[in-house]
C-alpha atoms as a PDB file:
ATOM      1  CA  UNK A   1       0.429  -0.066  -0.441  1.00  0.00           C
ATOM      2  CA  UNK A   2       1.502   3.010  -1.098  1.00  0.00           C
ATOM      3  CA  UNK A   3       2.538   5.731   1.606  1.00  0.00           C
ATOM      4  CA  UNK A   4       0.080   8.931   2.034  1.00  0.00           C
ATOM      5  CA  UNK A   5       2.681  10.962   1.227  1.00  0.00           C
ATOM      6  CA  UNK A   6       3.388   9.115  -2.605  1.00  0.00           C
ATOM      7  CA  UNK A   7      -0.985   9.532  -2.575  1.00  0.00           C
ATOM      8  CA  UNK A   8      -1.155  13.236  -2.162  1.00  0.00           C
ATOM      9  CA  UNK A   9       1.454  13.629  -4.769  1.00  0.00           C
ATOM     10  CA  UNK A  10      -0.726  14.395  -8.212  1.00  0.00           C
ATOM     11  CA  UNK A  11      -0.319  11.350 -10.856  1.00  0.00           C
ATOM     12  CA  UNK A  12       2.328  14.530 -13.169  1.00  0.00           C
ATOM     13  CA  UNK A  13       4.195  15.054 -10.336  1.00  0.00           C
ATOM     14  CA  UNK A  14       5.175  11.793  -9.734  1.00  0.00           C
ATOM     15  CA  UNK A  15       6.101  10.076 -13.656  1.00  0.00           C
ATOM     16  CA  UNK A  16       7.873  13.369 -13.466  1.00  0.00           C
ATOM     17  CA  UNK A  17      10.227  12.585 -10.054  1.00  0.00           C
ATOM     18  CA  UNK A  18       9.993   9.066 -11.307  1.00  0.00           C
ATOM     19  CA  UNK A  19      10.930  10.022 -14.627  1.00  0.00           C
ATOM     20  CA  UNK A  20      13.688  11.891 -13.188  1.00  0.00           C
ATOM     21  CA  UNK A  21      15.344   9.699 -11.853  1.00  0.00           C
ATOM     22  CA  UNK A  22      15.110   7.076 -14.270  1.00  0.00           C
ATOM     23  CA  UNK A  23      17.859  10.123 -16.631  1.00  0.00           C
ATOM     24  CA  UNK A  24      19.916  10.544 -13.819  1.00  0.00           C
ATOM     25  CA  UNK A  25      20.072   5.837 -12.832  1.00  0.00           C
ATOM     26  CA  UNK A  26      23.090   6.461 -15.194  1.00  0.00           C
ATOM     27  CA  UNK A  27      24.812   8.948 -13.435  1.00  0.00           C
ATOM     28  CA  UNK A  28      24.295   6.479 -10.365  1.00  0.00           C
ATOM     29  CA  UNK A  29      24.955   2.906 -12.044  1.00  0.00           C
ATOM     30  CA  UNK A  30      28.398   5.062 -12.856  1.00  0.00           C
ATOM     31  CA  UNK A  31      28.917   5.685  -9.555  1.00  0.00           C
ATOM     32  CA  UNK A  32      27.906   2.512  -7.556  1.00  0.00           C
ATOM     33  CA  UNK A  33      30.830   0.547  -9.800  1.00  0.00           C
ATOM     34  CA  UNK A  34      33.389   3.449  -8.545  1.00  0.00           C
ATOM     35  CA  UNK A  35      31.993   2.606  -5.167  1.00  0.00           C
ATOM     36  CA  UNK A  36      33.166  -1.217  -5.827  1.00  0.00           C
ATOM     37  CA  UNK A  37      36.389  -0.723  -6.177  1.00  0.00           C
ATOM     38  CA  UNK A  38      37.149   1.789  -3.486  1.00  0.00           C
ATOM     39  CA  UNK A  39      36.010   1.764  -0.152  1.00  0.00           C
ATOM     40  CA  UNK A  40      36.016   5.725   0.248  1.00  0.00           C
ATOM     41  CA  UNK A  41      33.517   5.709  -3.305  1.00  0.00           C
ATOM     42  CA  UNK A  42      31.620   3.426  -1.717  1.00  0.00           C
ATOM     43  CA  UNK A  43      31.583   4.927   1.497  1.00  0.00           C
ATOM     44  CA  UNK A  44      30.603   8.276  -0.065  1.00  0.00           C
ATOM     45  CA  UNK A  45      27.408   7.175  -1.199  1.00  0.00           C
ATOM     46  CA  UNK A  46      26.182   4.025   0.661  1.00  0.00           C
ATOM     47  CA  UNK A  47      26.685   8.089   3.337  1.00  0.00           C
ATOM     48  CA  UNK A  48      24.389   9.553   0.675  1.00  0.00           C
ATOM     49  CA  UNK A  49      21.684   6.821   0.813  1.00  0.00           C
ATOM     50  CA  UNK A  50      21.352   6.683   4.514  1.00  0.00           C
ATOM     51  CA  UNK A  51      17.706   8.785   4.354  1.00  0.00           C
ATOM     52  CA  UNK A  52      16.801   5.828   1.454  1.00  0.00           C
ATOM     53  CA  UNK A  53      18.255   3.162   4.445  1.00  0.00           C
ATOM     54  CA  UNK A  54      16.499   5.143   7.553  1.00  0.00           C
ATOM     55  CA  UNK A  55      12.710   4.767   5.431  1.00  0.00           C
ATOM     56  CA  UNK A  56      13.678   0.938   4.704  1.00  0.00           C
ATOM     57  CA  UNK A  57      14.886   0.533   8.154  1.00  0.00           C
ATOM     58  CA  UNK A  58      11.239   2.023   9.781  1.00  0.00           C
ATOM     59  CA  UNK A  59       9.061   1.335   7.152  1.00  0.00           C
ATOM     60  CA  UNK A  60       9.550  -3.019   8.650  1.00  0.00           C
ATOM     61  CA  UNK A  61      10.319  -1.666  12.865  1.00  0.00           C
ATOM     62  CA  UNK A  62       7.770   0.035  13.547  1.00  0.00           C
ATOM     63  CA  UNK A  63       7.176  -2.503  16.242  1.00  0.00           C
ATOM     64  CA  UNK A  64       9.936  -2.590  17.125  1.00  0.00           C
ATOM     65  CA  UNK A  65      12.429  -1.476  20.308  1.00  0.00           C
ATOM     66  CA  UNK A  66      14.760   1.072  18.964  1.00  0.00           C
ATOM     67  CA  UNK A  67      17.709  -0.993  20.126  1.00  0.00           C
ATOM     68  CA  UNK A  68      16.245  -3.990  17.657  1.00  0.00           C
ATOM     69  CA  UNK A  69      15.936  -1.499  14.850  1.00  0.00           C
ATOM     70  CA  UNK A  70      19.427  -0.514  15.297  1.00  0.00           C
ATOM     71  CA  UNK A  71      20.044  -3.638  14.718  1.00  0.00           C
ATOM     72  CA  UNK A  72      18.483  -4.201  11.613  1.00  0.00           C
ATOM     73  CA  UNK A  73      19.858  -0.341   9.913  1.00  0.00           C
ATOM     74  CA  UNK A  74      23.074  -2.183  10.272  1.00  0.00           C
ATOM     75  CA  UNK A  75      22.095  -5.246   8.831  1.00  0.00           C
ATOM     76  CA  UNK A  76      20.841  -2.815   6.115  1.00  0.00           C
ATOM     77  CA  UNK A  77      23.534  -0.678   5.753  1.00  0.00           C
ATOM     78  CA  UNK A  78      26.213  -3.794   5.359  1.00  0.00           C
ATOM     79  CA  UNK A  79      23.734  -5.388   2.424  1.00  0.00           C
ATOM     80  CA  UNK A  80      23.486  -1.710   1.008  1.00  0.00           C
ATOM     81  CA  UNK A  81      27.726  -2.192   1.222  1.00  0.00           C
ATOM     82  CA  UNK A  82      27.394  -5.728  -0.508  1.00  0.00           C
ATOM     83  CA  UNK A  83      25.087  -4.341  -3.414  1.00  0.00           C
ATOM     84  CA  UNK A  84      28.017  -1.495  -3.535  1.00  0.00           C
ATOM     85  CA  UNK A  85      30.365  -4.218  -4.216  1.00  0.00           C
ATOM     86  CA  UNK A  86      28.180  -6.897  -5.790  1.00  0.00           C
ATOM     87  CA  UNK A  87      26.625  -5.148  -8.183  1.00  0.00           C
ATOM     88  CA  UNK A  88      26.363  -5.211 -12.202  1.00  0.00           C
ATOM     89  CA  UNK A  89      26.579  -3.377 -14.453  1.00  0.00           C
ATOM     90  CA  UNK A  90      25.578  -4.818 -17.772  1.00  0.00           C
ATOM     91  CA  UNK A  91      22.836  -6.523 -15.596  1.00  0.00           C
ATOM     92  CA  UNK A  92      20.123  -3.565 -14.963  1.00  0.00           C
ATOM     93  CA  UNK A  93      20.268  -0.084 -12.927  1.00  0.00           C
ATOM     94  CA  UNK A  94      21.715   0.260  -9.097  1.00  0.00           C
ATOM     95  CA  UNK A  95      19.220   0.952  -6.981  1.00  0.00           C
ATOM     96  CA  UNK A  96      16.824  -2.025  -7.619  1.00  0.00           C
ATOM     97  CA  UNK A  97      18.795  -4.612  -7.499  1.00  0.00           C
ATOM     98  CA  UNK A  98      20.383  -2.678  -4.128  1.00  0.00           C
ATOM     99  CA  UNK A  99      16.343  -1.364  -3.516  1.00  0.00           C
ATOM    100  CA  UNK A 100      16.011  -5.780  -3.988  1.00  0.00           C
ATOM    101  CA  UNK A 101      19.145  -7.058  -1.809  1.00  0.00           C
ATOM    102  CA  UNK A 102      18.386  -4.543   1.412  1.00  0.00           C
ATOM    103  CA  UNK A 103      14.915  -5.379   1.814  1.00  0.00           C
ATOM    104  CA  UNK A 104      15.685  -9.012   1.563  1.00  0.00           C
ATOM    105  CA  UNK A 105      18.523  -8.662   4.061  1.00  0.00           C
ATOM    106  CA  UNK A 106      16.140  -7.054   6.612  1.00  0.00           C
ATOM    107  CA  UNK A 107      13.218  -8.680   5.920  1.00  0.00           C
ATOM    108  CA  UNK A 108      15.713 -11.779   6.832  1.00  0.00           C
ATOM    109  CA  UNK A 109      17.046 -10.696  10.029  1.00  0.00           C
ATOM    110  CA  UNK A 110      13.875  -9.889  11.454  1.00  0.00           C
ATOM    111  CA  UNK A 111      12.613 -12.650  11.226  1.00  0.00           C
ATOM    112  CA  UNK A 112      15.778 -14.759  13.042  1.00  0.00           C
ATOM    113  CA  UNK A 113      15.201 -12.370  15.471  1.00  0.00           C
ATOM    114  CA  UNK A 114      11.688 -13.249  15.387  1.00  0.00           C
ATOM    115  CA  UNK A 115      12.764 -16.627  16.002  1.00  0.00           C
ATOM    116  CA  UNK A 116      15.389 -14.881  18.888  1.00  0.00           C
ATOM    117  CA  UNK A 117      13.020 -13.625  20.704  1.00  0.00           C
ATOM    118  CA  UNK A 118       9.992 -16.553  20.568  1.00  0.00           C
ATOM    119  CA  UNK A 119       7.194 -14.580  18.744  1.00  0.00           C
ATOM    120  CA  UNK A 120       6.322 -13.391  15.523  1.00  0.00           C
ATOM    121  CA  UNK A 121       6.749 -10.010  14.215  1.00  0.00           C
ATOM    122  CA  UNK A 122       4.669  -8.352  11.986  1.00  0.00           C
ATOM    123  CA  UNK A 123       6.485  -7.033   8.636  1.00  0.00           C
ATOM    124  CA  UNK A 124       4.094  -4.379   7.728  1.00  0.00           C
ATOM    125  CA  UNK A 125       2.500  -5.993   4.415  1.00  0.00           C
ATOM    126  CA  UNK A 126       2.686  -8.046   1.252  1.00  0.00           C
ATOM    127  CA  UNK A 127       6.269  -8.776   1.520  1.00  0.00           C
ATOM    128  CA  UNK A 128       7.115  -8.307  -2.521  1.00  0.00           C
ATOM    129  CA  UNK A 129       4.626  -5.553  -2.503  1.00  0.00           C
ATOM    130  CA  UNK A 130       7.146  -3.987   0.503  1.00  0.00           C
ATOM    131  CA  UNK A 131      10.029  -3.910  -1.274  1.00  0.00           C
ATOM    132  CA  UNK A 132       9.696  -1.130  -4.063  1.00  0.00           C
ATOM    133  CA  UNK A 133      11.251   1.490  -4.547  1.00  0.00           C
ATOM    134  CA  UNK A 134       9.102   4.262  -4.446  1.00  0.00           C
ATOM    135  CA  UNK A 135       9.063   8.047  -5.357  1.00  0.00           C
ATOM    136  CA  UNK A 136       8.799   8.668  -1.695  1.00  0.00           C
ATOM    137  CA  UNK A 137      12.073   6.986  -1.001  1.00  0.00           C
ATOM    138  CA  UNK A 138      13.453   8.396  -4.264  1.00  0.00           C
ATOM    139  CA  UNK A 139      12.681  12.037  -2.761  1.00  0.00           C
ATOM    140  CA  UNK A 140      14.600  11.920  -0.138  1.00  0.00           C
ATOM    141  CA  UNK A 141      17.484  10.542  -1.473  1.00  0.00           C
ATOM    142  CA  UNK A 142      17.686  13.883  -3.586  1.00  0.00           C
ATOM    143  CA  UNK A 143      16.507  15.800  -1.043  1.00  0.00           C
ATOM    144  CA  UNK A 144      19.420  14.751   1.080  1.00  0.00           C
ATOM    145  CA  UNK A 145      22.069  15.018  -1.864  1.00  0.00           C
ATOM    146  CA  UNK A 146      21.288  18.357  -2.218  1.00  0.00           C
ATOM    147  CA  UNK A 147      21.049  19.340   1.155  1.00  0.00           C
ATOM    148  CA  UNK A 148      23.896  17.636   1.050  1.00  0.00           C
ATOM    149  CA  UNK A 149      25.665  19.677  -1.835  1.00  0.00           C
ATOM    150  CA  UNK A 150      24.251  23.254   0.041  1.00  0.00           C
ATOM    151  CA  UNK A 151      26.450  22.235   3.049  1.00  0.00           C
ATOM    152  CA  UNK A 152      29.828  21.619   0.737  1.00  0.00           C
ATOM    153  CA  UNK A 153      28.749  24.688  -1.246  1.00  0.00           C
ATOM    154  CA  UNK A 154      28.932  26.671   2.024  1.00  0.00           C
ATOM    155  CA  UNK A 155      32.607  25.113   3.150  1.00  0.00           C
ATOM    156  CA  UNK A 156      34.262  26.216  -0.388  1.00  0.00           C
ATOM    157  CA  UNK A 157      32.819  30.022  -0.104  1.00  0.00           C
ATOM    158  CA  UNK A 158      33.448  29.761   3.836  1.00  0.00           C
ATOM    159  CA  UNK A 159      37.261  28.843   1.910  1.00  0.00           C
ATOM    160  CA  UNK A 160      37.173  31.000  -0.472  1.00  0.00           C
ATOM    161  CA  UNK A 161      36.224  34.671   1.579  1.00  0.00           C
ATOM    162  CA  UNK A 162      38.919  33.329   3.626  1.00  0.00           C
ATOM    163  CA  UNK A 163      41.382  33.201   0.317  1.00  0.00           C
ATOM    164  CA  UNK A 164      40.570  36.584  -1.284  1.00  0.00           C
ATOM    165  CA  UNK A 165      40.869  37.895   1.892  1.00  0.00           C
ATOM    166  CA  UNK A 166      45.164  37.059   1.522  1.00  0.00           C
ATOM    167  CA  UNK A 167      44.463  39.948  -1.620  1.00  0.00           C
ATOM    168  CA  UNK A 168      42.539  42.626   0.213  1.00  0.00           C
ATOM    169  CA  UNK A 169      39.163  41.206  -2.190  1.00  0.00           C
ATOM    170  CA  UNK A 170      35.820  41.263  -0.263  1.00  0.00           C
ATOM    171  CA  UNK A 171      33.106  38.893  -0.878  1.00  0.00           C
ATOM    172  CA  UNK A 172      30.822  41.812  -1.203  1.00  0.00           C
ATOM    173  CA  UNK A 173      34.108  44.152  -3.304  1.00  0.00           C
ATOM    174  CA  UNK A 174      33.708  40.471  -6.096  1.00  0.00           C
ATOM    175  CA  UNK A 175      30.134  40.239  -6.766  1.00  0.00           C
ATOM    176  CA  UNK A 176      29.722  44.181  -6.860  1.00  0.00           C
ATOM    177  CA  UNK A 177      32.317  43.620 -10.058  1.00  0.00           C
ATOM    178  CA  UNK A 178      31.163  40.881 -11.665  1.00  0.00           C
ATOM    179  CA  UNK A 179      29.995  41.996 -14.793  1.00  0.00           C
ATOM    180  CA  UNK A 180      25.823  41.667 -15.451  1.00  0.00           C
ATOM    181  CA  UNK A 181      26.627  40.732 -19.612  1.00  0.00           C
ATOM    182  CA  UNK A 182      27.302  37.656 -21.275  1.00  0.00           C
ATOM    183  CA  UNK A 183      29.339  38.860 -23.369  1.00  0.00           C
ATOM    184  CA  UNK A 184      31.087  40.474 -21.132  1.00  0.00           C
ATOM    185  CA  UNK A 185      31.552  37.785 -18.437  1.00  0.00           C
ATOM    186  CA  UNK A 186      32.237  35.270 -21.515  1.00  0.00           C
ATOM    187  CA  UNK A 187      35.495  37.527 -22.547  1.00  0.00           C
ATOM    188  CA  UNK A 188      35.753  37.578 -18.741  1.00  0.00           C
ATOM    189  CA  UNK A 189      36.391  33.872 -19.100  1.00  0.00           C
ATOM    190  CA  UNK A 190      38.507  32.952 -21.995  1.00  0.00           C
ATOM    191  CA  UNK A 191      40.847  35.608 -20.620  1.00  0.00           C
ATOM    192  CA  UNK A 192      41.157  33.220 -17.097  1.00  0.00           C
ATOM    193  CA  UNK A 193      41.832  29.978 -19.552  1.00  0.00           C
ATOM    194  CA  UNK A 194      44.471  32.163 -21.067  1.00  0.00           C
ATOM    195  CA  UNK A 195      46.245  33.473 -18.133  1.00  0.00           C
ATOM    196  CA  UNK A 196      45.824  29.323 -16.995  1.00  0.00           C
ATOM    197  CA  UNK A 197      47.656  27.830 -19.613  1.00  0.00           C
ATOM    198  CA  UNK A 198      51.039  30.498 -18.865  1.00  0.00           C
ATOM    199  CA  UNK A 199      52.700  29.160 -16.027  1.00  0.00           C
ATOM    200  CA  UNK A 200      55.132  31.954 -15.692  1.00  0.00           C
ATOM    201  CA  UNK A 201      52.081  33.961 -15.226  1.00  0.00           C
ATOM    202  CA  UNK A 202      50.717  32.190 -12.746  1.00  0.00           C
ATOM    203  CA  UNK A 203      53.568  31.062 -10.921  1.00  0.00           C
ATOM    204  CA  UNK A 204      53.596  35.712 -10.771  1.00  0.00           C
ATOM    205  CA  UNK A 205      49.827  35.161  -8.571  1.00  0.00           C
ATOM    206  CA  UNK A 206      50.820  32.323  -7.018  1.00  0.00           C
ATOM    207  CA  UNK A 207      54.592  32.943  -5.623  1.00  0.00           C
ATOM    208  CA  UNK A 208      54.756  36.611  -5.740  1.00  0.00           C
ATOM    209  CA  UNK A 209      51.204  37.586  -4.542  1.00  0.00           C
ATOM    210  CA  UNK A 210      50.855  39.479  -7.043  1.00  0.00           C
ATOM    211  CA  UNK A 211      48.496  39.722 -10.129  1.00  0.00           C
ATOM    212  CA  UNK A 212      50.925  40.646 -13.564  1.00  0.00           C
ATOM    213  CA  UNK A 213      48.150  43.327 -15.413  1.00  0.00           C
ATOM    214  CA  UNK A 214      51.296  44.127 -18.690  1.00  0.00           C
ATOM    215  CA  UNK A 215      52.038  40.987 -19.002  1.00  0.00           C
ATOM    216  CA  UNK A 216      47.580  39.170 -19.197  1.00  0.00           C
ATOM    217  CA  UNK A 217      47.091  42.522 -20.914  1.00  0.00           C
ATOM    218  CA  UNK A 218      49.913  40.722 -23.026  1.00  0.00           C
ATOM    219  CA  UNK A 219      48.969  37.606 -23.964  1.00  0.00           C
ATOM    220  CA  UNK A 220      44.714  38.854 -24.070  1.00  0.00           C
ATOM    221  CA  UNK A 221      45.634  41.622 -26.792  1.00  0.00           C
ATOM    222  CA  UNK A 222      42.610  43.678 -24.188  1.00  0.00           C
ATOM    223  CA  UNK A 223      43.890  46.898 -22.670  1.00  0.00           C
ATOM    224  CA  UNK A 224      46.132  47.600 -19.128  1.00  0.00           C
ATOM    225  CA  UNK A 225      43.133  49.674 -18.146  1.00  0.00           C
ATOM    226  CA  UNK A 226      40.458  47.267 -19.313  1.00  0.00           C
ATOM    227  CA  UNK A 227      42.549  43.994 -17.358  1.00  0.00           C
ATOM    228  CA  UNK A 228      42.591  46.329 -14.696  1.00  0.00           C
ATOM    229  CA  UNK A 229      39.573  47.587 -14.299  1.00  0.00           C
ATOM    230  CA  UNK A 230      38.889  43.426 -14.182  1.00  0.00           C
ATOM    231  CA  UNK A 231      41.365  42.319 -11.845  1.00  0.00           C
ATOM    232  CA  UNK A 232      39.846  41.525  -9.476  1.00  0.00           C
ATOM    233  CA  UNK A 233      36.827  39.359 -10.853  1.00  0.00           C
ATOM    234  CA  UNK A 234      39.590  37.395 -13.454  1.00  0.00           C
ATOM    235  CA  UNK A 235      41.820  37.054 -10.125  1.00  0.00           C
ATOM    236  CA  UNK A 236      38.609  35.422  -7.920  1.00  0.00           C
ATOM    237  CA  UNK A 237      37.890  33.040 -10.966  1.00  0.00           C
ATOM    238  CA  UNK A 238      42.104  31.959 -11.647  1.00  0.00           C
ATOM    239  CA  UNK A 239      41.943  31.368  -7.589  1.00  0.00           C
ATOM    240  CA  UNK A 240      38.445  28.802  -8.190  1.00  0.00           C
ATOM    241  CA  UNK A 241      39.645  27.014 -10.959  1.00  0.00           C
ATOM    242  CA  UNK A 242      42.843  26.756  -9.578  1.00  0.00           C
ATOM    243  CA  UNK A 243      42.037  25.654  -6.494  1.00  0.00           C
ATOM    244  CA  UNK A 244      39.991  23.080  -4.499  1.00  0.00           C
ATOM    245  CA  UNK A 245      36.947  24.143  -5.894  1.00  0.00           C
ATOM    246  CA  UNK A 246      34.146  21.576  -7.433  1.00  0.00           C
ATOM    247  CA  UNK A 247      31.102  22.683  -6.661  1.00  0.00           C
ATOM    248  CA  UNK A 248      31.809  26.589  -7.298  1.00  0.00           C
ATOM    249  CA  UNK A 249      33.665  26.003 -10.543  1.00  0.00           C
ATOM    250  CA  UNK A 250      30.518  26.002 -12.276  1.00  0.00           C
ATOM    251  CA  UNK A 251      29.479  29.145 -11.239  1.00  0.00           C
ATOM    252  CA  UNK A 252      32.897  30.066 -12.916  1.00  0.00           C
END
């Protein structure tokens, strides 16, 4: 039986969300393959799927006390890790496969607990129906991933503010001098790319903490005065492009 949240969603919204999930499946499949080859990647993927694991455990353990629910969650997490290790991209998408593995492990674990406790524990409905992935499951993962992305972006911004402060630049000043017109932004991006291709200029910027306006003017053909006016923006863009700013670089 679908959850109340799923029932309240308009059919069109559910279909759209499912289509978006399917469009993202190939990316998730490739990540799962990489996670099967790297413990760090596997750990990151497990972290992102915690909302899904919590949802699956909660679905089956409403009648269990908190300690037993924690035990079931540990079993679910182990099952997800095993799914990552055993996933074969040639046999289908990762999410349905991981979902089946996790749900089967949860059910088996609850039955084991039931035998140990000497009493019957209800699994809250038909096993096969319950193991089907829901739109709510997928939405919770997507929302969690977006929240993590926002947190990572906030961390990058704080690090970036510290780095540009060493040049006497504030975030407010950078916003004020950022180009408003598309063509000018495109021109500045070309300048940044050109500068990044000249090790001597990059060395001057990174080691001597000096932005060589004349040298940049020479390699780009842009007048010195215009380079000087754009210095703050270009310098900030170079810092992002060459630094550890994976998310911020998408905006440059």
